[in-house]
Amino acid sequence: MILDLHTHSIKSDDGRAKVENYCQWIRARELPIDGIVLTEHRQFDFESDYSALAKANDLVILKASEVETEYGHVLVYGVTEALTQAFDFSSINNVLEEVIQAANDHGAIAVPCHPGRPKVGMFAHTEALGMPQGVQIVEVYNGGSRDDEDQIALDGAAAQGYFGIGGSDSHIVSHVGRCATRFTKDIATMDDLVAALKAGNFEAITLKTR
């Protein structure tokens, strides 16, 4: 099963894609993905219910979040009401290790994304801040990466023994599915996804979607 673990809709401040348009694009282009995870910036979207849309398009549509820390941006899977109260999702000054610990305490998991990117990627800060504790997974393939950003992520993950995921980081529909994550078991719910991530039953992949 293949999921794009990093997408943004119009719920994000810089997103220009409606979720229904993602579904239409995936089906019209016959993209080889089974679903998407919406990782809206600095928030968790408790309001939107995409279950009918997912069923109508035979896709998995799950919701997560992308938060900001001193080490850059971090994807959080398995968000609950209690977790949103454990730290400020809207802040740009969260502490990565505290985000990781809070996620673990609430049955979620935190994954630094595009870690090879300047300024907003984890490996851009490790020389000055040291290697953070508690990281298990990083995003090694990102559809918005430039130059050698993914290679930096791959090399850093290999050096630290991290698992790697892939996601398109799409903000417009035509970018969805550029990178994704293949799972060895079916994923139907966020609980399934978190369990698979914690078990290491996945691999990051890149896809030709143009």
N, C-alpha and C. Protein backbone atom coordinates (compact mmCIF):
# COMPACT_ATOMS: atom_id res chain seq x y z
N MET A 1 0.85 -1.19 0.00
CA MET A 1 0.00 0.00 0.00
C MET A 1 0.88 1.23 0.00
N ILE A 2 0.53 2.21 -0.84
CA ILE A 2 1.37 3.40 -1.01
C ILE A 2 0.58 4.65 -0.62
N LEU A 3 1.13 5.43 0.31
CA LEU A 3 0.51 6.66 0.77
C LEU A 3 1.48 7.82 0.62
N ASP A 4 0.95 8.96 0.20
CA ASP A 4 1.70 10.21 0.22
C ASP A 4 1.50 10.81 1.60
N LEU A 5 2.56 10.83 2.39
CA LEU A 5 2.45 11.19 3.81
C LEU A 5 2.62 12.67 4.10
N HIS A 6 2.69 13.52 3.06
CA HIS A 6 2.97 14.94 3.31
C HIS A 6 2.27 15.78 2.24
N THR A 7 1.05 16.23 2.52
CA THR A 7 0.31 17.07 1.59
C THR A 7 -0.37 18.22 2.33
N HIS A 8 -0.67 19.28 1.58
CA HIS A 8 -1.33 20.45 2.17
C HIS A 8 -2.52 20.85 1.32
N SER A 9 -3.61 21.21 1.99
CA SER A 9 -4.80 21.68 1.30
C SER A 9 -4.96 23.18 1.54
N ILE A 10 -6.10 23.72 1.13
CA ILE A 10 -6.35 25.14 1.35
C ILE A 10 -6.50 25.46 2.83
N LYS A 11 -6.56 24.45 3.68
CA LYS A 11 -6.57 24.69 5.13
C LYS A 11 -5.24 25.26 5.62
N SER A 12 -4.15 24.97 4.87
CA SER A 12 -2.85 25.55 5.19
C SER A 12 -2.76 26.95 4.60
N ASP A 13 -2.00 27.82 5.26
CA ASP A 13 -1.95 29.21 4.83
C ASP A 13 -1.37 29.39 3.43
N ASP A 14 -0.55 28.45 2.99
CA ASP A 14 0.04 28.56 1.65
C ASP A 14 -0.43 27.45 0.72
N GLY A 15 -1.46 26.71 1.13
CA GLY A 15 -1.98 25.63 0.30
C GLY A 15 -3.00 26.14 -0.71
N ARG A 16 -2.97 25.59 -1.91
CA ARG A 16 -3.89 26.03 -2.96
C ARG A 16 -4.71 24.86 -3.52
N ALA A 17 -4.72 23.75 -2.82
CA ALA A 17 -5.39 22.55 -3.33
C ALA A 17 -6.59 22.19 -2.46
N LYS A 18 -7.72 21.96 -3.10
CA LYS A 18 -8.87 21.41 -2.39
C LYS A 18 -8.72 19.89 -2.36
N VAL A 19 -9.17 19.28 -1.29
CA VAL A 19 -8.99 17.84 -1.13
C VAL A 19 -9.72 17.08 -2.23
N GLU A 20 -10.90 17.54 -2.61
CA GLU A 20 -11.62 16.87 -3.69
C GLU A 20 -10.86 16.94 -5.01
N ASN A 21 -10.10 18.04 -5.20
CA ASN A 21 -9.31 18.15 -6.42
C ASN A 21 -8.11 17.21 -6.40
N TYR A 22 -7.54 16.98 -5.22
CA TYR A 22 -6.50 15.95 -5.10
C TYR A 22 -7.05 14.60 -5.56
N CYS A 23 -8.24 14.27 -5.07
CA CYS A 23 -8.83 12.98 -5.42
C CYS A 23 -9.06 12.87 -6.92
N GLN A 24 -9.59 13.93 -7.50
CA GLN A 24 -9.85 13.93 -8.94
C GLN A 24 -8.55 13.76 -9.73
N TRP A 25 -7.50 14.46 -9.30
CA TRP A 25 -6.22 14.38 -10.00
C TRP A 25 -5.61 12.99 -9.91
N ILE A 26 -5.65 12.43 -8.72
CA ILE A 26 -5.09 11.09 -8.51
C ILE A 26 -5.78 10.08 -9.42
N ARG A 27 -7.10 10.16 -9.50
CA ARG A 27 -7.84 9.21 -10.31
C ARG A 27 -7.69 9.50 -11.81
N ALA A 28 -7.74 10.77 -12.20
CA ALA A 28 -7.63 11.12 -13.62
C ALA A 28 -6.27 10.75 -14.18
N ARG A 29 -5.22 10.94 -13.37
CA ARG A 29 -3.86 10.63 -13.82
C ARG A 29 -3.44 9.21 -13.49
N GLU A 30 -4.35 8.47 -12.86
CA GLU A 30 -4.07 7.08 -12.46
C GLU A 30 -2.75 6.98 -11.69
N LEU A 31 -2.60 7.87 -10.72
CA LEU A 31 -1.38 7.85 -9.91
C LEU A 31 -1.34 6.58 -9.07
N PRO A 32 -0.16 6.00 -8.92
CA PRO A 32 -0.04 4.73 -8.19
C PRO A 32 0.03 4.89 -6.68
N ILE A 33 -0.88 5.69 -6.14
CA ILE A 33 -0.94 5.84 -4.69
C ILE A 33 -2.35 5.49 -4.21
N ASP A 34 -2.43 5.04 -2.97
CA ASP A 34 -3.69 4.59 -2.40
C ASP A 34 -4.33 5.62 -1.49
N GLY A 35 -3.63 6.73 -1.26
CA GLY A 35 -4.20 7.75 -0.40
C GLY A 35 -3.19 8.81 -0.03
N ILE A 36 -3.68 9.77 0.75
CA ILE A 36 -2.86 10.91 1.17
C ILE A 36 -3.07 11.18 2.65
N VAL A 37 -2.07 11.84 3.23
CA VAL A 37 -2.20 12.35 4.59
C VAL A 37 -2.05 13.86 4.52
N LEU A 38 -3.05 14.57 5.02
CA LEU A 38 -3.05 16.03 5.02
C LEU A 38 -2.32 16.53 6.25
N THR A 39 -1.23 17.23 6.04
CA THR A 39 -0.37 17.67 7.13
C THR A 39 -0.38 19.20 7.17
N GLU A 40 -1.48 19.77 7.64
CA GLU A 40 -1.63 21.22 7.58
C GLU A 40 -0.66 21.92 8.54
N HIS A 41 -0.21 23.09 8.10
CA HIS A 41 0.80 23.85 8.85
C HIS A 41 0.26 24.39 10.17
N ARG A 42 1.02 24.15 11.24
CA ARG A 42 0.82 24.79 12.54
C ARG A 42 -0.61 24.66 13.08
N GLN A 43 -1.23 23.52 12.84
CA GLN A 43 -2.60 23.30 13.30
C GLN A 43 -2.95 21.83 13.13
N PHE A 44 -4.06 21.46 13.73
CA PHE A 44 -4.67 20.18 13.38
C PHE A 44 -6.12 20.46 13.04
N ASP A 45 -6.57 19.99 11.91
CA ASP A 45 -7.91 20.24 11.41
C ASP A 45 -8.89 19.22 12.00
N PHE A 46 -9.49 19.59 13.11
CA PHE A 46 -10.47 18.71 13.74
C PHE A 46 -11.82 18.77 13.04
N GLU A 47 -12.08 19.82 12.28
CA GLU A 47 -13.41 20.07 11.73
C GLU A 47 -13.74 19.22 10.51
N SER A 48 -12.80 19.08 9.60
CA SER A 48 -13.12 18.46 8.30
C SER A 48 -13.27 16.95 8.41
N ASP A 49 -14.30 16.45 7.75
CA ASP A 49 -14.55 15.00 7.67
C ASP A 49 -14.48 14.61 6.20
N TYR A 50 -13.46 13.85 5.85
CA TYR A 50 -13.25 13.46 4.46
C TYR A 50 -13.65 12.00 4.20
N SER A 51 -14.38 11.40 5.11
CA SER A 51 -14.69 9.98 4.98
C SER A 51 -15.54 9.69 3.75
N ALA A 52 -16.54 10.53 3.47
CA ALA A 52 -17.39 10.30 2.30
C ALA A 52 -16.59 10.49 1.01
N LEU A 53 -15.74 11.50 0.99
CA LEU A 53 -14.90 11.76 -0.18
C LEU A 53 -13.93 10.61 -0.40
N ALA A 54 -13.37 10.10 0.67
CA ALA A 54 -12.45 8.97 0.57
C ALA A 54 -13.16 7.73 0.01
N LYS A 55 -14.35 7.47 0.52
CA LYS A 55 -15.11 6.30 0.06
C LYS A 55 -15.50 6.44 -1.41
N ALA A 56 -15.92 7.64 -1.80
CA ALA A 56 -16.36 7.87 -3.17
C ALA A 56 -15.23 7.68 -4.18
N ASN A 57 -14.00 7.95 -3.73
CA ASN A 57 -12.85 7.87 -4.63
C ASN A 57 -11.97 6.66 -4.36
N ASP A 58 -12.40 5.80 -3.44
CA ASP A 58 -11.64 4.61 -3.06
C ASP A 58 -10.20 4.98 -2.71
N LEU A 59 -10.08 5.99 -1.86
CA LEU A 59 -8.77 6.46 -1.40
C LEU A 59 -8.78 6.56 0.13
N VAL A 60 -7.61 6.45 0.72
CA VAL A 60 -7.44 6.73 2.14
C VAL A 60 -7.09 8.21 2.29
N ILE A 61 -7.83 8.91 3.12
CA ILE A 61 -7.54 10.32 3.41
C ILE A 61 -7.43 10.46 4.92
N LEU A 62 -6.24 10.73 5.39
CA LEU A 62 -5.99 10.88 6.82
C LEU A 62 -5.49 12.28 7.12
N LYS A 63 -5.54 12.67 8.40
CA LYS A 63 -5.14 14.01 8.79
C LYS A 63 -4.03 13.97 9.83
N ALA A 64 -3.03 14.82 9.64
CA ALA A 64 -1.92 14.96 10.57
C ALA A 64 -1.59 16.45 10.69
N SER A 65 -0.35 16.77 10.99
CA SER A 65 0.01 18.17 11.17
C SER A 65 1.49 18.37 10.86
N GLU A 66 1.84 19.60 10.51
CA GLU A 66 3.25 19.99 10.37
C GLU A 66 3.51 21.16 11.31
N VAL A 67 4.39 20.94 12.27
CA VAL A 67 4.69 21.97 13.26
C VAL A 67 6.13 22.44 13.10
N GLU A 68 6.46 23.52 13.81
CA GLU A 68 7.78 24.13 13.65
C GLU A 68 8.56 24.09 14.96
N THR A 69 9.85 23.78 14.84
CA THR A 69 10.74 23.70 16.00
C THR A 69 12.06 24.39 15.70
N GLU A 70 12.93 24.42 16.68
CA GLU A 70 14.25 25.03 16.48
C GLU A 70 15.10 24.23 15.51
N TYR A 71 14.72 22.99 15.23
CA TYR A 71 15.42 22.16 14.26
C TYR A 71 14.72 22.16 12.90
N GLY A 72 13.68 22.94 12.75
CA GLY A 72 12.94 22.95 11.50
C GLY A 72 11.58 22.31 11.63
N HIS A 73 11.01 21.93 10.50
CA HIS A 73 9.63 21.46 10.47
C HIS A 73 9.51 19.96 10.78
N VAL A 74 8.38 19.61 11.39
CA VAL A 74 8.17 18.24 11.88
C VAL A 74 6.74 17.82 11.58
N LEU A 75 6.59 16.64 10.99
CA LEU A 75 5.27 16.06 10.77
C LEU A 75 4.85 15.28 12.01
N VAL A 76 3.62 15.46 12.43
CA VAL A 76 3.11 14.76 13.60
C VAL A 76 1.90 13.93 13.19
N TYR A 77 2.01 12.61 13.35
CA TYR A 77 0.95 11.67 13.01
C TYR A 77 0.34 11.11 14.29
N GLY A 78 -0.99 11.03 14.31
CA GLY A 78 -1.68 10.52 15.49
C GLY A 78 -2.10 11.62 16.45
N VAL A 79 -2.42 12.79 15.92
CA VAL A 79 -2.78 13.94 16.75
C VAL A 79 -4.13 13.72 17.43
N THR A 80 -4.18 14.06 18.70
CA THR A 80 -5.42 14.01 19.50
C THR A 80 -5.64 15.37 20.14
N GLU A 81 -6.83 15.55 20.69
CA GLU A 81 -7.12 16.79 21.42
C GLU A 81 -6.10 17.01 22.53
N ALA A 82 -5.79 15.94 23.26
CA ALA A 82 -4.85 16.06 24.37
C ALA A 82 -3.47 16.46 23.88
N LEU A 83 -3.04 15.93 22.74
CA LEU A 83 -1.72 16.29 22.22
C LEU A 83 -1.68 17.75 21.82
N THR A 84 -2.75 18.29 21.28
CA THR A 84 -2.74 19.71 20.89
C THR A 84 -2.66 20.63 22.11
N GLN A 85 -2.95 20.08 23.28
CA GLN A 85 -2.83 20.86 24.50
C GLN A 85 -1.47 20.68 25.17
N ALA A 86 -0.70 19.70 24.70
CA ALA A 86 0.61 19.41 25.30
C ALA A 86 1.68 20.40 24.85
N PHE A 87 1.52 20.93 23.63
CA PHE A 87 2.40 22.01 23.16
C PHE A 87 1.61 22.85 22.16
N ASP A 88 2.14 24.01 21.84
CA ASP A 88 1.43 24.97 20.99
C ASP A 88 1.69 24.68 19.51
N PHE A 89 0.73 24.06 18.86
CA PHE A 89 0.89 23.73 17.45
C PHE A 89 1.10 24.96 16.58
N SER A 90 0.59 26.10 16.99
CA SER A 90 0.69 27.32 16.19
C SER A 90 2.03 28.04 16.35
N SER A 91 2.82 27.63 17.32
CA SER A 91 4.10 28.30 17.59
C SER A 91 5.15 27.96 16.55
N ILE A 92 6.05 28.91 16.29
CA ILE A 92 7.20 28.62 15.42
C ILE A 92 8.45 28.36 16.26
N ASN A 93 8.27 28.26 17.57
CA ASN A 93 9.41 28.12 18.48
C ASN A 93 9.31 26.89 19.38
N ASN A 94 8.67 25.85 18.91
CA ASN A 94 8.60 24.62 19.71
C ASN A 94 9.99 23.98 19.82
N VAL A 95 10.17 23.19 20.85
CA VAL A 95 11.43 22.46 21.07
C VAL A 95 11.24 21.05 20.54
N LEU A 96 12.08 20.64 19.61
CA LEU A 96 11.90 19.35 18.94
C LEU A 96 11.80 18.20 19.92
N GLU A 97 12.71 18.12 20.87
CA GLU A 97 12.69 16.99 21.79
C GLU A 97 11.41 16.96 22.61
N GLU A 98 10.86 18.14 22.91
CA GLU A 98 9.60 18.20 23.65
C GLU A 98 8.43 17.76 22.77
N VAL A 99 8.47 18.10 21.49
CA VAL A 99 7.45 17.66 20.55
C VAL A 99 7.48 16.14 20.42
N ILE A 100 8.69 15.59 20.28
CA ILE A 100 8.85 14.14 20.16
C ILE A 100 8.32 13.44 21.42
N GLN A 101 8.67 13.95 22.58
CA GLN A 101 8.24 13.33 23.83
C GLN A 101 6.73 13.43 23.99
N ALA A 102 6.17 14.60 23.68
CA ALA A 102 4.72 14.76 23.79
C ALA A 102 3.99 13.81 22.85
N ALA A 103 4.51 13.69 21.63
CA ALA A 103 3.90 12.76 20.67
C ALA A 103 3.94 11.33 21.22
N ASN A 104 5.09 10.91 21.71
CA ASN A 104 5.23 9.57 22.27
C ASN A 104 4.28 9.35 23.44
N ASP A 105 4.16 10.36 24.29
CA ASP A 105 3.29 10.24 25.47
C ASP A 105 1.83 10.08 25.10
N HIS A 106 1.44 10.55 23.91
CA HIS A 106 0.04 10.53 23.50
C HIS A 106 -0.22 9.54 22.38
N GLY A 107 0.69 8.58 22.20
CA GLY A 107 0.48 7.54 21.21
C GLY A 107 0.63 8.00 19.78
N ALA A 108 1.32 9.12 19.58
CA ALA A 108 1.57 9.66 18.25
C ALA A 108 3.04 9.49 17.90
N ILE A 109 3.45 10.04 16.76
CA ILE A 109 4.86 9.97 16.38
C ILE A 109 5.21 11.23 15.61
N ALA A 110 6.40 11.77 15.88
CA ALA A 110 6.88 13.00 15.26
C ALA A 110 8.03 12.68 14.31
N VAL A 111 7.96 13.22 13.09
CA VAL A 111 8.92 12.90 12.04
C VAL A 111 9.45 14.19 11.41
N PRO A 112 10.71 14.55 11.64
CA PRO A 112 11.26 15.73 10.97
C PRO A 112 11.15 15.59 9.45
N CYS A 113 10.64 16.63 8.79
CA CYS A 113 10.46 16.56 7.34
C CYS A 113 11.50 17.43 6.62
N HIS A 114 11.67 17.12 5.34
CA HIS A 114 12.71 17.74 4.50
C HIS A 114 13.94 18.14 5.32
N PRO A 115 14.57 17.18 6.02
CA PRO A 115 15.67 17.50 6.94
C PRO A 115 16.93 17.99 6.24
N GLY A 116 17.02 17.81 4.93
CA GLY A 116 18.18 18.30 4.20
C GLY A 116 18.03 19.72 3.69
N ARG A 117 16.93 20.36 3.99
CA ARG A 117 16.64 21.70 3.47
C ARG A 117 17.27 22.77 4.37
N PRO A 118 17.82 23.82 3.79
CA PRO A 118 18.35 24.93 4.60
C PRO A 118 17.24 25.55 5.45
N LYS A 119 17.60 25.99 6.63
CA LYS A 119 16.75 26.73 7.56
C LYS A 119 15.63 25.89 8.18
N VAL A 120 14.82 25.23 7.37
CA VAL A 120 13.65 24.51 7.91
C VAL A 120 13.86 23.01 7.98
N GLY A 121 15.09 22.53 7.75
CA GLY A 121 15.40 21.12 7.82
C GLY A 121 16.31 20.79 8.99
N MET A 122 16.11 19.65 9.62
CA MET A 122 16.82 19.29 10.85
C MET A 122 18.33 19.29 10.69
N PHE A 123 18.84 18.71 9.59
CA PHE A 123 20.29 18.58 9.46
C PHE A 123 20.99 19.92 9.23
N ALA A 124 20.23 20.97 8.94
CA ALA A 124 20.81 22.30 8.83
C ALA A 124 21.18 22.87 10.19
N HIS A 125 20.68 22.23 11.25
CA HIS A 125 20.88 22.78 12.60
C HIS A 125 21.70 21.87 13.51
N THR A 126 22.02 20.68 13.06
CA THR A 126 22.69 19.74 13.97
C THR A 126 24.12 20.14 14.31
N GLU A 127 24.79 20.84 13.40
CA GLU A 127 26.16 21.26 13.72
C GLU A 127 26.16 22.26 14.87
N ALA A 128 25.20 23.17 14.87
CA ALA A 128 25.13 24.18 15.92
C ALA A 128 24.45 23.68 17.18
N LEU A 129 23.43 22.83 17.03
CA LEU A 129 22.62 22.42 18.18
C LEU A 129 22.89 21.00 18.65
N GLY A 130 23.63 20.23 17.86
CA GLY A 130 23.84 18.82 18.20
C GLY A 130 22.73 17.97 17.64
N MET A 131 22.89 16.67 17.71
CA MET A 131 21.89 15.74 17.20
C MET A 131 20.77 15.58 18.23
N PRO A 132 19.53 15.84 17.87
CA PRO A 132 18.44 15.75 18.85
C PRO A 132 18.19 14.32 19.29
N GLN A 133 17.69 14.18 20.49
CA GLN A 133 17.36 12.87 21.03
C GLN A 133 15.94 12.48 20.65
N GLY A 134 15.73 11.20 20.42
CA GLY A 134 14.39 10.69 20.24
C GLY A 134 13.91 10.54 18.81
N VAL A 135 14.66 11.07 17.85
CA VAL A 135 14.25 10.94 16.46
C VAL A 135 14.41 9.49 16.01
N GLN A 136 13.39 8.95 15.38
CA GLN A 136 13.45 7.58 14.86
C GLN A 136 13.29 7.53 13.35
N ILE A 137 12.54 8.50 12.82
CA ILE A 137 12.21 8.54 11.40
C ILE A 137 12.39 9.96 10.90
N VAL A 138 12.89 10.12 9.69
CA VAL A 138 12.90 11.41 9.02
C VAL A 138 12.37 11.23 7.60
N GLU A 139 11.94 12.31 7.01
CA GLU A 139 11.49 12.28 5.62
C GLU A 139 12.72 12.35 4.72
N VAL A 140 12.96 11.31 3.94
CA VAL A 140 14.16 11.28 3.09
C VAL A 140 13.86 11.63 1.64
N TYR A 141 12.60 11.47 1.22
CA TYR A 141 12.20 11.89 -0.12
C TYR A 141 11.08 12.91 0.01
N ASN A 142 11.30 14.10 -0.52
CA ASN A 142 10.33 15.18 -0.45
C ASN A 142 10.13 15.74 -1.85
N GLY A 143 8.88 15.81 -2.28
CA GLY A 143 8.59 16.23 -3.64
C GLY A 143 8.96 17.66 -3.96
N GLY A 144 9.21 18.47 -2.93
CA GLY A 144 9.60 19.85 -3.16
C GLY A 144 11.09 20.10 -3.00
N SER A 145 11.86 19.05 -2.83
CA SER A 145 13.30 19.22 -2.61
C SER A 145 14.01 19.74 -3.85
N ARG A 146 15.09 20.47 -3.61
CA ARG A 146 15.93 20.99 -4.68
C ARG A 146 17.36 20.50 -4.48
N ASP A 147 18.12 20.60 -5.55
CA ASP A 147 19.55 20.30 -5.50
C ASP A 147 19.81 18.97 -4.77
N ASP A 148 20.62 19.02 -3.72
CA ASP A 148 21.00 17.80 -3.01
C ASP A 148 20.28 17.61 -1.68
N GLU A 149 19.12 18.27 -1.52
CA GLU A 149 18.44 18.22 -0.22
C GLU A 149 18.04 16.79 0.17
N ASP A 150 17.51 16.03 -0.77
CA ASP A 150 17.15 14.65 -0.45
C ASP A 150 18.38 13.79 -0.17
N GLN A 151 19.47 14.06 -0.87
CA GLN A 151 20.68 13.28 -0.62
C GLN A 151 21.23 13.56 0.76
N ILE A 152 21.16 14.81 1.19
CA ILE A 152 21.57 15.15 2.56
C ILE A 152 20.70 14.39 3.56
N ALA A 153 19.40 14.35 3.27
CA ALA A 153 18.48 13.62 4.16
C ALA A 153 18.80 12.14 4.19
N LEU A 154 19.04 11.56 3.02
CA LEU A 154 19.37 10.13 2.94
C LEU A 154 20.67 9.83 3.67
N ASP A 155 21.68 10.65 3.45
CA ASP A 155 22.98 10.42 4.09
C ASP A 155 22.87 10.58 5.60
N GLY A 156 22.15 11.60 6.04
CA GLY A 156 21.99 11.82 7.47
C GLY A 156 21.21 10.70 8.13
N ALA A 157 20.16 10.23 7.46
CA ALA A 157 19.38 9.12 8.01
C ALA A 157 20.21 7.85 8.12
N ALA A 158 21.02 7.59 7.09
CA ALA A 158 21.87 6.40 7.11
C ALA A 158 22.90 6.48 8.23
N ALA A 159 23.47 7.65 8.42
CA ALA A 159 24.49 7.83 9.45
C ALA A 159 23.93 7.65 10.85
N GLN A 160 22.67 8.05 11.04
CA GLN A 160 22.05 7.99 12.37
C GLN A 160 21.20 6.75 12.58
N GLY A 161 21.00 5.95 11.53
CA GLY A 161 20.17 4.76 11.66
C GLY A 161 18.69 5.06 11.71
N TYR A 162 18.27 6.16 11.10
CA TYR A 162 16.86 6.51 11.07
C TYR A 162 16.13 5.75 9.95
N PHE A 163 14.88 5.47 10.16
CA PHE A 163 14.00 5.04 9.08
C PHE A 163 13.68 6.27 8.23
N GLY A 164 13.22 6.03 6.99
CA GLY A 164 12.89 7.14 6.11
C GLY A 164 11.52 7.00 5.49
N ILE A 165 10.79 8.12 5.43
CA ILE A 165 9.50 8.16 4.73
C ILE A 165 9.61 9.08 3.52
N GLY A 166 8.58 9.04 2.67
CA GLY A 166 8.50 9.93 1.53
C GLY A 166 7.15 10.61 1.47
N GLY A 167 7.16 11.86 1.00
CA GLY A 167 5.93 12.62 0.81
C GLY A 167 6.13 13.71 -0.21
N SER A 168 5.07 14.09 -0.88
CA SER A 168 5.19 15.07 -1.96
C SER A 168 5.39 16.49 -1.46
N ASP A 169 4.91 16.79 -0.23
CA ASP A 169 4.91 18.18 0.26
C ASP A 169 4.13 19.05 -0.73
N SER A 170 3.07 18.48 -1.28
CA SER A 170 2.30 19.19 -2.30
C SER A 170 1.47 20.31 -1.70
N HIS A 171 1.45 21.43 -2.41
CA HIS A 171 0.59 22.56 -2.07
C HIS A 171 -0.39 22.85 -3.21
N ILE A 172 -0.14 22.22 -4.36
CA ILE A 172 -1.04 22.28 -5.50
C ILE A 172 -1.28 20.85 -5.98
N VAL A 173 -2.40 20.61 -6.65
CA VAL A 173 -2.80 19.24 -6.94
C VAL A 173 -1.80 18.50 -7.84
N SER A 174 -1.17 19.22 -8.76
CA SER A 174 -0.30 18.54 -9.72
C SER A 174 0.99 18.02 -9.11
N HIS A 175 1.26 18.36 -7.86
CA HIS A 175 2.48 17.88 -7.20
C HIS A 175 2.24 16.65 -6.34
N VAL A 176 1.01 16.27 -6.15
CA VAL A 176 0.72 15.15 -5.25
C VAL A 176 1.32 13.86 -5.82
N GLY A 177 1.80 13.00 -4.93
CA GLY A 177 2.31 11.69 -5.33
C GLY A 177 3.72 11.67 -5.88
N ARG A 178 4.42 12.78 -5.88
CA ARG A 178 5.79 12.77 -6.40
C ARG A 178 6.70 11.87 -5.57
N CYS A 179 6.48 11.88 -4.28
CA CYS A 179 7.19 10.97 -3.37
C CYS A 179 6.14 10.38 -2.43
N ALA A 180 6.41 9.19 -1.95
CA ALA A 180 5.42 8.52 -1.11
C ALA A 180 6.10 7.47 -0.24
N THR A 181 5.29 6.72 0.47
CA THR A 181 5.79 5.68 1.37
C THR A 181 5.02 4.40 1.12
N ARG A 182 5.76 3.32 0.92
CA ARG A 182 5.14 2.01 0.70
C ARG A 182 5.10 1.22 2.00
N PHE A 183 3.94 0.70 2.33
CA PHE A 183 3.75 -0.06 3.56
C PHE A 183 3.54 -1.54 3.25
N THR A 184 3.95 -2.38 4.16
CA THR A 184 3.81 -3.82 3.95
C THR A 184 2.42 -4.33 4.33
N LYS A 185 1.65 -3.51 5.05
CA LYS A 185 0.29 -3.88 5.44
C LYS A 185 -0.67 -2.77 5.04
N ASP A 186 -1.95 -3.11 4.96
CA ASP A 186 -2.97 -2.12 4.62
C ASP A 186 -3.06 -1.06 5.73
N ILE A 187 -3.28 0.17 5.31
CA ILE A 187 -3.47 1.29 6.23
C ILE A 187 -4.84 1.87 5.96
N ALA A 188 -5.72 1.81 6.96
CA ALA A 188 -7.07 2.35 6.80
C ALA A 188 -7.35 3.51 7.75
N THR A 189 -6.62 3.56 8.86
CA THR A 189 -6.86 4.58 9.88
C THR A 189 -5.53 5.17 10.33
N MET A 190 -5.63 6.28 11.06
CA MET A 190 -4.41 6.87 11.59
C MET A 190 -3.74 5.95 12.60
N ASP A 191 -4.53 5.19 13.35
CA ASP A 191 -3.94 4.21 14.28
C ASP A 191 -3.10 3.19 13.51
N ASP A 192 -3.62 2.75 12.35
CA ASP A 192 -2.86 1.82 11.51
C ASP A 192 -1.55 2.45 11.07
N LEU A 193 -1.62 3.71 10.66
CA LEU A 193 -0.43 4.40 10.16
C LEU A 193 0.62 4.56 11.26
N VAL A 194 0.20 5.01 12.42
CA VAL A 194 1.15 5.20 13.52
C VAL A 194 1.78 3.87 13.91
N ALA A 195 0.98 2.82 13.97
CA ALA A 195 1.51 1.51 14.33
C ALA A 195 2.54 1.04 13.31
N ALA A 196 2.26 1.25 12.02
CA ALA A 196 3.19 0.83 10.98
C ALA A 196 4.48 1.64 11.04
N LEU A 197 4.36 2.92 11.30
CA LEU A 197 5.56 3.77 11.40
C LEU A 197 6.41 3.35 12.60
N LYS A 198 5.77 3.08 13.72
CA LYS A 198 6.52 2.69 14.91
C LYS A 198 7.16 1.31 14.75
N ALA A 199 6.55 0.47 13.92
CA ALA A 199 7.09 -0.87 13.70
C ALA A 199 8.17 -0.90 12.61
N GLY A 200 8.28 0.18 11.86
CA GLY A 200 9.28 0.23 10.79
C GLY A 200 8.89 -0.56 9.55
N ASN A 201 7.59 -0.80 9.37
CA ASN A 201 7.13 -1.62 8.25
C ASN A 201 6.81 -0.75 7.03
N PHE A 202 7.83 -0.10 6.45
CA PHE A 202 7.60 0.81 5.34
C PHE A 202 8.92 1.15 4.66
N GLU A 203 8.81 1.77 3.49
CA GLU A 203 9.99 2.30 2.81
C GLU A 203 9.59 3.53 2.01
N ALA A 204 10.50 4.50 1.93
CA ALA A 204 10.26 5.71 1.14
C ALA A 204 10.52 5.42 -0.32
N ILE A 205 9.68 5.99 -1.19
CA ILE A 205 9.85 5.80 -2.63
C ILE A 205 9.62 7.11 -3.36
N THR A 206 10.16 7.23 -4.56
CA THR A 206 9.85 8.32 -5.46
C THR A 206 9.05 7.76 -6.62
N LEU A 207 8.15 8.59 -7.15
CA LEU A 207 7.26 8.17 -8.21
C LEU A 207 7.29 9.17 -9.36
N LYS A 208 7.18 8.68 -10.56
CA LYS A 208 7.06 9.56 -11.72
C LYS A 208 5.59 9.86 -11.94
N THR A 209 5.20 11.11 -11.66
CA THR A 209 3.79 11.46 -11.74
C THR A 209 3.51 12.51 -12.80
N ARG A 210 4.51 13.01 -13.45
CA ARG A 210 4.28 14.08 -14.44
C ARG A 210 3.78 13.48 -15.75
